[in-house]
Amino acid sequence: MNSTTRRFRYDPTADDVVEVFDDPPSSSTVGLVQGYSESKPGKSIGMSVHPSQIPEMNELVRAHGIKGVTFDSSKRDNCQITSRKGRRELMKVLGYFDADGGYGDG
């Protein structure tokens, strides 16, 4: 949001539309990337596979010792990622390249 953007909301107590003034983001949080976690995994449609290939892909992940990546047949985007390292390792095994990755994403 740039400095010229103005935001408004309805305030029921004033029965009027009021301007919203947000605090500017602190410099310590600008540019940080949200990481993957067990509770909030990343999902990849690009690395997802046909449902018939899920057991094969889970075996490939186990065979290469990759942690933090699973394939879940209950979801359309069935590649579930909970680790940036695991994502990087799987992409290397599959021969994928992430042109949008950050430092260390390989």
C-alpha atoms as a PDB file:
ATOM      1  CA  MET A   1       0.000   0.000   0.000  1.00  0.00           C
ATOM      2  CA  ASN A   2       1.596   3.275  -1.028  1.00  0.00           C
ATOM      3  CA  SER A   3       1.354   6.531   0.935  1.00  0.00           C
ATOM      4  CA  THR A   4      -1.393   7.997  -1.291  1.00  0.00           C
ATOM      5  CA  THR A   5      -3.818   5.104  -0.812  1.00  0.00           C
ATOM      6  CA  ARG A   6      -6.712   5.860   1.522  1.00  0.00           C
ATOM      7  CA  ARG A   7      -8.950   3.203   3.083  1.00  0.00           C
ATOM      8  CA  PHE A   8     -12.415   3.569   4.558  1.00  0.00           C
ATOM      9  CA  ARG A   9     -14.830   1.401   6.510  1.00  0.00           C
ATOM     10  CA  TYR A  10     -18.326   1.689   7.900  1.00  0.00           C
ATOM     11  CA  ASP A  11     -18.445   2.490  11.622  1.00  0.00           C
ATOM     12  CA  PRO A  12     -21.809   1.381  13.053  1.00  0.00           C
ATOM     13  CA  THR A  13     -21.349   3.385  16.267  1.00  0.00           C
ATOM     14  CA  ALA A  14     -20.968   6.617  14.301  1.00  0.00           C
ATOM     15  CA  ASP A  15     -23.386   5.393  11.585  1.00  0.00           C
ATOM     16  CA  ASP A  16     -20.940   6.789   9.059  1.00  0.00           C
ATOM     17  CA  VAL A  17     -18.023   5.882   6.845  1.00  0.00           C
ATOM     18  CA  VAL A  18     -14.684   6.661   8.488  1.00  0.00           C
ATOM     19  CA  GLU A  19     -11.131   6.656   7.206  1.00  0.00           C
ATOM     20  CA  VAL A  20      -8.858   3.872   8.449  1.00  0.00           C
ATOM     21  CA  PHE A  21      -5.354   4.861   9.459  1.00  0.00           C
ATOM     22  CA  ASP A  22      -3.006   1.862   9.670  1.00  0.00           C
ATOM     23  CA  ASP A  23       0.393   1.996  11.263  1.00  0.00           C
ATOM     24  CA  PRO A  24       3.099   1.682   8.609  1.00  0.00           C
ATOM     25  CA  PRO A  25       4.831  -1.701   8.636  1.00  0.00           C
ATOM     26  CA  SER A  26       7.993  -1.845  10.676  1.00  0.00           C
ATOM     27  CA  SER A  27      11.203  -2.135   8.699  1.00  0.00           C
ATOM     28  CA  SER A  28      11.925  -5.471  10.395  1.00  0.00           C
ATOM     29  CA  THR A  29       8.880  -7.156   8.785  1.00  0.00           C
ATOM     30  CA  VAL A  30       9.040  -5.707   5.282  1.00  0.00           C
ATOM     31  CA  GLY A  31      10.056  -8.290   2.699  1.00  0.00           C
ATOM     32  CA  LEU A  32       9.858 -11.358   4.935  1.00  0.00           C
ATOM     33  CA  VAL A  33       8.550 -14.531   3.321  1.00  0.00           C
ATOM     34  CA  GLN A  34       5.996 -16.656   5.149  1.00  0.00           C
ATOM     35  CA  GLY A  35       7.574 -20.025   5.830  1.00  0.00           C
ATOM     36  CA  TYR A  36       5.988 -23.447   5.610  1.00  0.00           C
ATOM     37  CA  SER A  37       4.892 -25.300   8.734  1.00  0.00           C
ATOM     38  CA  GLU A  38       3.061 -28.465   9.772  1.00  0.00           C
ATOM     39  CA  SER A  39       0.000 -26.422  10.715  1.00  0.00           C
ATOM     40  CA  LYS A  40       0.041 -24.320   7.552  1.00  0.00           C
ATOM     41  CA  PRO A  41       1.694 -26.285   4.731  1.00  0.00           C
ATOM     42  CA  GLY A  42       2.477 -24.852   1.354  1.00  0.00           C
ATOM     43  CA  LYS A  43       0.699 -26.394  -1.604  1.00  0.00           C
ATOM     44  CA  SER A  44       2.120 -26.854  -5.063  1.00  0.00           C
ATOM     45  CA  ILE A  45      -0.102 -27.459  -8.053  1.00  0.00           C
ATOM     46  CA  GLY A  46       3.012 -27.523 -10.259  1.00  0.00           C
ATOM     47  CA  MET A  47       4.568 -30.449  -8.388  1.00  0.00           C
ATOM     48  CA  SER A  48       1.247 -32.241  -7.836  1.00  0.00           C
ATOM     49  CA  VAL A  49       0.685 -35.500  -9.669  1.00  0.00           C
ATOM     50  CA  HIS A  50      -2.192 -37.626 -10.936  1.00  0.00           C
ATOM     51  CA  PRO A  51      -3.890 -39.476  -8.050  1.00  0.00           C
ATOM     52  CA  SER A  52      -2.666 -42.828  -9.417  1.00  0.00           C
ATOM     53  CA  GLN A  53       0.958 -41.602  -9.050  1.00  0.00           C
ATOM     54  CA  ILE A  54       0.719 -40.549  -5.389  1.00  0.00           C
ATOM     55  CA  PRO A  55       2.026 -43.842  -3.894  1.00  0.00           C
ATOM     56  CA  GLU A  56       4.968 -43.763  -6.321  1.00  0.00           C
ATOM     57  CA  MET A  57       5.814 -40.144  -5.410  1.00  0.00           C
ATOM     58  CA  ASN A  58       5.572 -40.821  -1.655  1.00  0.00           C
ATOM     59  CA  GLU A  59       7.960 -43.765  -2.158  1.00  0.00           C
ATOM     60  CA  LEU A  60      10.349 -41.516  -4.130  1.00  0.00           C
ATOM     61  CA  VAL A  61      10.301 -38.968  -1.286  1.00  0.00           C
ATOM     62  CA  ARG A  62      11.060 -41.733   1.266  1.00  0.00           C
ATOM     63  CA  ALA A  63      13.773 -43.316  -0.913  1.00  0.00           C
ATOM     64  CA  HIS A  64      15.639 -40.007  -1.198  1.00  0.00           C
ATOM     65  CA  GLY A  65      15.182 -39.223   2.506  1.00  0.00           C
ATOM     66  CA  ILE A  66      13.317 -35.990   1.788  1.00  0.00           C
ATOM     67  CA  LYS A  67      11.585 -34.586   4.871  1.00  0.00           C
ATOM     68  CA  GLY A  68       8.767 -32.048   4.768  1.00  0.00           C
ATOM     69  CA  VAL A  69       7.059 -33.066   1.514  1.00  0.00           C
ATOM     70  CA  THR A  70       4.077 -35.415   1.185  1.00  0.00           C
ATOM     71  CA  PHE A  71       1.505 -36.167  -1.474  1.00  0.00           C
ATOM     72  CA  ASP A  72      -2.085 -36.254  -0.175  1.00  0.00           C
ATOM     73  CA  SER A  73      -4.747 -37.904  -2.342  1.00  0.00           C
ATOM     74  CA  SER A  74      -7.583 -36.001  -0.659  1.00  0.00           C
ATOM     75  CA  LYS A  75      -6.569 -32.690  -2.225  1.00  0.00           C
ATOM     76  CA  ARG A  76      -6.406 -31.384  -5.808  1.00  0.00           C
ATOM     77  CA  ASP A  77      -3.078 -29.677  -5.159  1.00  0.00           C
ATOM     78  CA  ASN A  78      -1.782 -32.873  -3.587  1.00  0.00           C
ATOM     79  CA  CYS A  79       1.854 -31.846  -3.036  1.00  0.00           C
ATOM     80  CA  GLN A  80       1.938 -30.637   0.578  1.00  0.00           C
ATOM     81  CA  ILE A  81       5.132 -28.834   1.644  1.00  0.00           C
ATOM     82  CA  THR A  82       6.143 -28.156   5.245  1.00  0.00           C
ATOM     83  CA  SER A  83       9.857 -27.501   4.696  1.00  0.00           C
ATOM     84  CA  ARG A  84      11.728 -25.208   2.300  1.00  0.00           C
ATOM     85  CA  LYS A  85      14.656 -27.624   2.409  1.00  0.00           C
ATOM     86  CA  GLY A  86      12.413 -30.559   1.507  1.00  0.00           C
ATOM     87  CA  ARG A  87      10.880 -28.566  -1.341  1.00  0.00           C
ATOM     88  CA  ARG A  88      14.339 -27.691  -2.668  1.00  0.00           C
ATOM     89  CA  GLU A  89      15.501 -31.329  -2.439  1.00  0.00           C
ATOM     90  CA  LEU A  90      12.399 -32.659  -4.231  1.00  0.00           C
ATOM     91  CA  MET A  91      12.741 -30.077  -6.993  1.00  0.00           C
ATOM     92  CA  LYS A  92      16.367 -31.130  -7.467  1.00  0.00           C
ATOM     93  CA  VAL A  93      15.390 -34.830  -7.703  1.00  0.00           C
ATOM     94  CA  LEU A  94      12.614 -34.041 -10.206  1.00  0.00           C
ATOM     95  CA  GLY A  95      14.850 -31.702 -12.235  1.00  0.00           C
ATOM     96  CA  TYR A  96      12.679 -28.623 -11.614  1.00  0.00           C
ATOM     97  CA  PHE A  97      13.994 -25.067 -11.376  1.00  0.00           C
ATOM     98  CA  ASP A  98      12.317 -22.344  -9.318  1.00  0.00           C
ATOM     99  CA  ALA A  99      12.854 -19.027 -11.066  1.00  0.00           C
ATOM    100  CA  ASP A 100      10.780 -17.263  -8.381  1.00  0.00           C
ATOM    101  CA  GLY A 101      12.612 -18.773  -5.407  1.00  0.00           C
ATOM    102  CA  GLY A 102      14.438 -16.675  -2.886  1.00  0.00           C
ATOM    103  CA  TYR A 103      17.923 -17.106  -1.471  1.00  0.00           C
ATOM    104  CA  GLY A 104      18.484 -20.774  -0.666  1.00  0.00           C
ATOM    105  CA  ASP A 105      15.392 -22.016  -2.515  1.00  0.00           C
ATOM    106  CA  GLY A 106      17.578 -23.513  -5.267  1.00  0.00           C
END
